[in-house]
Structures are given as C-alpha cells and as structure tokens.
C-alpha cells in the first residue's frame, strides 16, 4: 500500500518528464501584460546633435524608403573619431568584463 501512494497515478517517466519541462518552460513563452506608458514626447529629439557631424538632427534627411535606413547629413564635416585606449570587443566597442581582465593580465605579464 505504501508503494502505491508514492508512484504517480498517471503516465510513465517519459510523460512525467515532459510535463515537468512544460511546467517549467511555459512562463517563458506566455504573453507579457502590456503596460500603459505615458505620452511619448519626442519634441527634443530634433535638437539633439548628430553623432556623425554634430549638427542638430532636424537639419538631416532620413531616408526610410529602403530596408536600410539612411541618414543624410547636411554637411561633409565629420566629428573626430574617439580613440579607444584599450581593447575592443567584437562590435568595435570598448571591451569590458572577462575580455578586459584577460587583456590586463596579458599586458601586465608582457611588461614584467
């Protein structure tokens, strides 16, 4: 009698395994509730400087007629590129985390 109560009533190990997987994974695939956000105020976006030329964004033409959006600056002048003082990650951004730690260890060993 005691052994009968310890065994689940329906299914075998295979079905119980997938029931458990379904139970654990289903919250990840459920729709999240949509939150009401405040009014979207983008009035100051046109006043921001362009990251390429430094002119205000309202002076630019943005061409969205192709899959790749094109930004046309009003001038040929460009801001100077920022020089990275350390290693870069795979996206060309300054490295952080483990990549930076490895770089510091290598450069520390190379100088010693």
Protein backbone atom coordinates (compact mmCIF):
# COMPACT_ATOMS: atom_id res chain seq x y z
CA UNK A 1 0.00 0.00 0.00
CA UNK A 2 2.73 2.48 0.81
CA UNK A 3 4.42 1.88 -2.55
CA UNK A 4 1.20 2.57 -4.41
CA UNK A 5 0.86 6.03 -2.89
CA UNK A 6 4.46 7.00 -3.76
CA UNK A 7 4.01 6.36 -7.51
CA UNK A 8 2.10 8.98 -9.51
CA UNK A 9 -1.24 7.77 -10.77
CA UNK A 10 -0.95 8.58 -14.48
CA UNK A 11 1.81 8.40 -17.07
CA UNK A 12 5.24 6.94 -17.13
CA UNK A 13 8.63 8.58 -16.58
CA UNK A 14 8.74 9.83 -20.14
CA UNK A 15 5.41 11.69 -19.95
CA UNK A 16 6.13 12.99 -16.45
CA UNK A 17 9.47 14.36 -17.66
CA UNK A 18 7.85 16.36 -20.45
CA UNK A 19 5.03 17.51 -18.18
CA UNK A 20 7.69 18.90 -15.85
CA UNK A 21 9.56 20.56 -18.74
CA UNK A 22 6.31 22.10 -19.94
CA UNK A 23 5.52 23.35 -16.45
CA UNK A 24 8.94 24.97 -16.07
CA UNK A 25 9.20 26.46 -19.58
CA UNK A 26 5.63 27.73 -20.10
CA UNK A 27 6.12 31.02 -18.17
CA UNK A 28 8.87 31.98 -20.60
CA UNK A 29 6.53 31.67 -23.59
CA UNK A 30 3.43 33.35 -22.15
CA UNK A 31 2.39 36.80 -23.34
CA UNK A 32 3.51 39.57 -21.03
CA UNK A 33 0.94 42.15 -19.96
CA UNK A 34 1.12 45.41 -21.89
CA UNK A 35 1.83 48.37 -19.64
CA UNK A 36 0.33 51.75 -20.33
CA UNK A 37 3.13 54.24 -20.84
CA UNK A 38 2.84 57.96 -20.59
CA UNK A 39 2.57 60.14 -23.68
CA UNK A 40 5.55 59.72 -25.99
CA UNK A 41 7.19 63.15 -26.07
CA UNK A 42 9.90 63.29 -28.71
CA UNK A 43 9.91 67.03 -29.25
CA UNK A 44 13.53 67.38 -28.13
CA UNK A 45 14.88 64.68 -30.49
CA UNK A 46 15.34 67.17 -33.32
CA UNK A 47 17.51 69.36 -31.11
CA UNK A 48 19.96 66.58 -30.27
CA UNK A 49 23.31 66.68 -32.07
CA UNK A 50 24.10 64.19 -34.83
CA UNK A 51 26.70 61.60 -33.73
CA UNK A 52 28.46 61.96 -37.12
CA UNK A 53 28.59 65.69 -37.87
CA UNK A 54 27.42 67.42 -34.68
CA UNK A 55 24.63 69.42 -36.38
CA UNK A 56 21.08 69.25 -34.91
CA UNK A 57 19.10 66.25 -36.13
CA UNK A 58 16.26 68.39 -37.55
CA UNK A 59 18.68 69.56 -40.29
CA UNK A 60 19.11 65.98 -41.54
CA UNK A 61 17.12 63.95 -44.05
CA UNK A 62 16.28 60.38 -43.02
CA UNK A 63 15.54 58.11 -45.99
CA UNK A 64 13.36 55.17 -44.94
CA UNK A 65 12.43 54.03 -48.45
CA UNK A 66 14.84 51.07 -48.32
CA UNK A 67 15.21 48.28 -45.74
CA UNK A 68 18.36 50.02 -44.50
CA UNK A 69 17.52 53.48 -43.14
CA UNK A 70 19.90 56.12 -44.50
CA UNK A 71 20.88 59.31 -42.68
CA UNK A 72 21.89 62.20 -44.93
CA UNK A 73 23.91 64.85 -43.11
CA UNK A 74 23.61 68.48 -44.27
CA UNK A 75 27.40 68.87 -44.34
CA UNK A 76 30.51 66.91 -45.26
CA UNK A 77 32.20 67.83 -41.97
CA UNK A 78 32.62 64.97 -39.51
CA UNK A 79 33.36 64.85 -35.81
CA UNK A 80 36.75 63.40 -34.90
CA UNK A 81 36.65 59.71 -34.02
CA UNK A 82 37.08 58.79 -30.40
CA UNK A 83 40.29 56.91 -29.76
CA UNK A 84 39.91 53.77 -27.68
CA UNK A 85 42.57 53.44 -25.01
CA UNK A 86 42.17 49.69 -24.58
CA UNK A 87 40.96 46.59 -26.36
CA UNK A 88 37.73 46.46 -28.35
CA UNK A 89 35.06 43.77 -28.31
CA UNK A 90 33.68 42.04 -31.40
CA UNK A 91 31.36 45.01 -32.07
CA UNK A 92 34.12 47.62 -32.01
CA UNK A 93 33.09 48.93 -28.61
CA UNK A 94 35.45 49.20 -25.62
CA UNK A 95 35.88 45.79 -24.03
CA UNK A 96 34.57 45.02 -20.56
CA UNK A 97 34.24 42.10 -18.22
CA UNK A 98 36.33 38.99 -18.80
CA UNK A 99 37.81 40.27 -22.07
CA UNK A 100 39.21 43.34 -20.30
CA UNK A 101 40.54 41.21 -17.42
CA UNK A 102 42.35 38.91 -19.87
CA UNK A 103 43.83 41.90 -21.69
CA UNK A 104 45.08 43.43 -18.44
CA UNK A 105 46.67 40.12 -17.39
CA UNK A 106 48.41 39.75 -20.77
CA UNK A 107 49.73 43.30 -20.83
CA UNK A 108 50.83 43.02 -17.19
CA UNK A 109 52.78 39.81 -17.96
CA UNK A 110 54.27 41.29 -21.14
CA UNK A 111 55.61 44.35 -19.29
CA UNK A 112 57.06 42.32 -16.40
